[in-house]
Amino acid sequence: MGSFSIWHWLIVLAIVVLIFGTKRLRNLGSDVGGAVKGFKEAVNQGKSGNAALDDDAKGQTVDNDIRHKEKQ
């Protein structure tokens, strides 16, 4: 009683298709796919970019920056 059978899911799918139409559902699928692809690219860029940021930040602290600016 608590779980849905395959017939329940088919009826829900038919209602969703009737309400939104296949073209809108197709566009929604491509939009979601593009968003996932963009997210994966951003994550991969973040992973490769962290090594460069870590190399630049070695030995630098806020206190050192303030002291360096005060000396100038």
C-alpha atoms as a PDB file:
ATOM      1  CA  MET A   1       0.000   0.000   0.000  1.00  0.00           C
ATOM      2  CA  GLY A   2       2.887   2.369   0.708  1.00  0.00           C
ATOM      3  CA  SER A   3       4.758   1.904  -2.571  1.00  0.00           C
ATOM      4  CA  PHE A   4       3.634   2.801  -6.062  1.00  0.00           C
ATOM      5  CA  SER A   5       3.299   0.193  -8.770  1.00  0.00           C
ATOM      6  CA  ILE A   6       4.407   0.657 -12.374  1.00  0.00           C
ATOM      7  CA  TRP A   7       0.832   1.591 -13.331  1.00  0.00           C
ATOM      8  CA  HIS A   8       0.827   4.486 -10.880  1.00  0.00           C
ATOM      9  CA  TRP A   9       4.059   5.837 -12.382  1.00  0.00           C
ATOM     10  CA  LEU A  10       2.740   5.465 -15.948  1.00  0.00           C
ATOM     11  CA  ILE A  11      -0.412   7.402 -15.054  1.00  0.00           C
ATOM     12  CA  VAL A  12       1.665  10.161 -13.422  1.00  0.00           C
ATOM     13  CA  LEU A  13       3.920  10.300 -16.487  1.00  0.00           C
ATOM     14  CA  ALA A  14       0.915  10.549 -18.814  1.00  0.00           C
ATOM     15  CA  ILE A  15      -0.543  13.404 -16.761  1.00  0.00           C
ATOM     16  CA  VAL A  16       2.779  15.277 -16.759  1.00  0.00           C
ATOM     17  CA  VAL A  17       3.079  14.891 -20.538  1.00  0.00           C
ATOM     18  CA  LEU A  18      -0.482  16.121 -21.010  1.00  0.00           C
ATOM     19  CA  ILE A  19       0.080  19.148 -18.785  1.00  0.00           C
ATOM     20  CA  PHE A  20       3.487  20.265 -20.033  1.00  0.00           C
ATOM     21  CA  GLY A  21       3.730  18.745 -23.509  1.00  0.00           C
ATOM     22  CA  THR A  22       6.672  16.885 -24.988  1.00  0.00           C
ATOM     23  CA  LYS A  23       8.401  19.978 -26.404  1.00  0.00           C
ATOM     24  CA  ARG A  24       8.563  21.725 -23.042  1.00  0.00           C
ATOM     25  CA  LEU A  25       9.783  18.539 -21.339  1.00  0.00           C
ATOM     26  CA  ARG A  26      12.484  18.115 -24.001  1.00  0.00           C
ATOM     27  CA  ASN A  27      13.625  21.715 -23.491  1.00  0.00           C
ATOM     28  CA  LEU A  28      13.653  21.196 -19.737  1.00  0.00           C
ATOM     29  CA  GLY A  29      15.812  18.096 -20.166  1.00  0.00           C
ATOM     30  CA  SER A  30      18.330  19.918 -22.347  1.00  0.00           C
ATOM     31  CA  ASP A  31      18.447  22.850 -19.899  1.00  0.00           C
ATOM     32  CA  VAL A  32      19.111  20.530 -16.971  1.00  0.00           C
ATOM     33  CA  GLY A  33      21.771  18.686 -18.991  1.00  0.00           C
ATOM     34  CA  GLY A  34      23.497  21.966 -19.865  1.00  0.00           C
ATOM     35  CA  ALA A  35      23.441  23.064 -16.240  1.00  0.00           C
ATOM     36  CA  VAL A  36      24.982  19.778 -15.101  1.00  0.00           C
ATOM     37  CA  LYS A  37      27.672  20.047 -17.789  1.00  0.00           C
ATOM     38  CA  GLY A  38      28.493  23.615 -16.727  1.00  0.00           C
ATOM     39  CA  PHE A  39      28.662  22.565 -13.080  1.00  0.00           C
ATOM     40  CA  LYS A  40      31.072  19.712 -13.888  1.00  0.00           C
ATOM     41  CA  GLU A  41      33.312  22.052 -15.893  1.00  0.00           C
ATOM     42  CA  ALA A  42      33.369  24.573 -13.031  1.00  0.00           C
ATOM     43  CA  VAL A  43      34.275  21.852 -10.539  1.00  0.00           C
ATOM     44  CA  ASN A  44      37.100  20.625 -12.775  1.00  0.00           C
ATOM     45  CA  GLN A  45      38.401  24.172 -13.240  1.00  0.00           C
ATOM     46  CA  GLY A  46      38.260  24.691  -9.484  1.00  0.00           C
ATOM     47  CA  LYS A  47      40.311  21.568  -8.859  1.00  0.00           C
ATOM     48  CA  SER A  48      42.994  22.532 -11.372  1.00  0.00           C
ATOM     49  CA  GLY A  49      43.002  26.184 -10.246  1.00  0.00           C
ATOM     50  CA  ASN A  50      43.560  25.421  -6.557  1.00  0.00           C
ATOM     51  CA  ALA A  51      47.147  24.270  -7.137  1.00  0.00           C
ATOM     52  CA  ALA A  52      48.050  27.610  -8.708  1.00  0.00           C
ATOM     53  CA  LEU A  53      46.370  29.528  -5.895  1.00  0.00           C
ATOM     54  CA  ASP A  54      48.199  27.490  -3.268  1.00  0.00           C
ATOM     55  CA  ASP A  55      51.580  28.208  -4.897  1.00  0.00           C
ATOM     56  CA  ASP A  56      50.894  31.954  -4.990  1.00  0.00           C
ATOM     57  CA  ALA A  57      49.691  32.083  -1.395  1.00  0.00           C
ATOM     58  CA  LYS A  58      52.665  30.332   0.218  1.00  0.00           C
ATOM     59  CA  GLY A  59      54.349  32.577   2.748  1.00  0.00           C
ATOM     60  CA  GLN A  60      51.808  35.348   2.404  1.00  0.00           C
ATOM     61  CA  THR A  61      49.533  36.371   5.234  1.00  0.00           C
ATOM     62  CA  VAL A  62      47.399  39.384   5.884  1.00  0.00           C
ATOM     63  CA  ASP A  63      49.821  40.568   8.549  1.00  0.00           C
ATOM     64  CA  ASN A  64      52.743  40.394   6.117  1.00  0.00           C
ATOM     65  CA  ASP A  65      50.780  42.350   3.521  1.00  0.00           C
ATOM     66  CA  ILE A  66      49.898  45.063   6.042  1.00  0.00           C
ATOM     67  CA  ARG A  67      53.496  45.370   7.245  1.00  0.00           C
ATOM     68  CA  HIS A  68      54.746  45.537   3.663  1.00  0.00           C
ATOM     69  CA  LYS A  69      52.265  48.338   2.841  1.00  0.00           C
ATOM     70  CA  GLU A  70      53.175  50.248   6.019  1.00  0.00           C
ATOM     71  CA  LYS A  71      56.859  50.200   5.064  1.00  0.00           C
ATOM     72  CA  GLN A  72      56.100  51.776   1.708  1.00  0.00           C
END
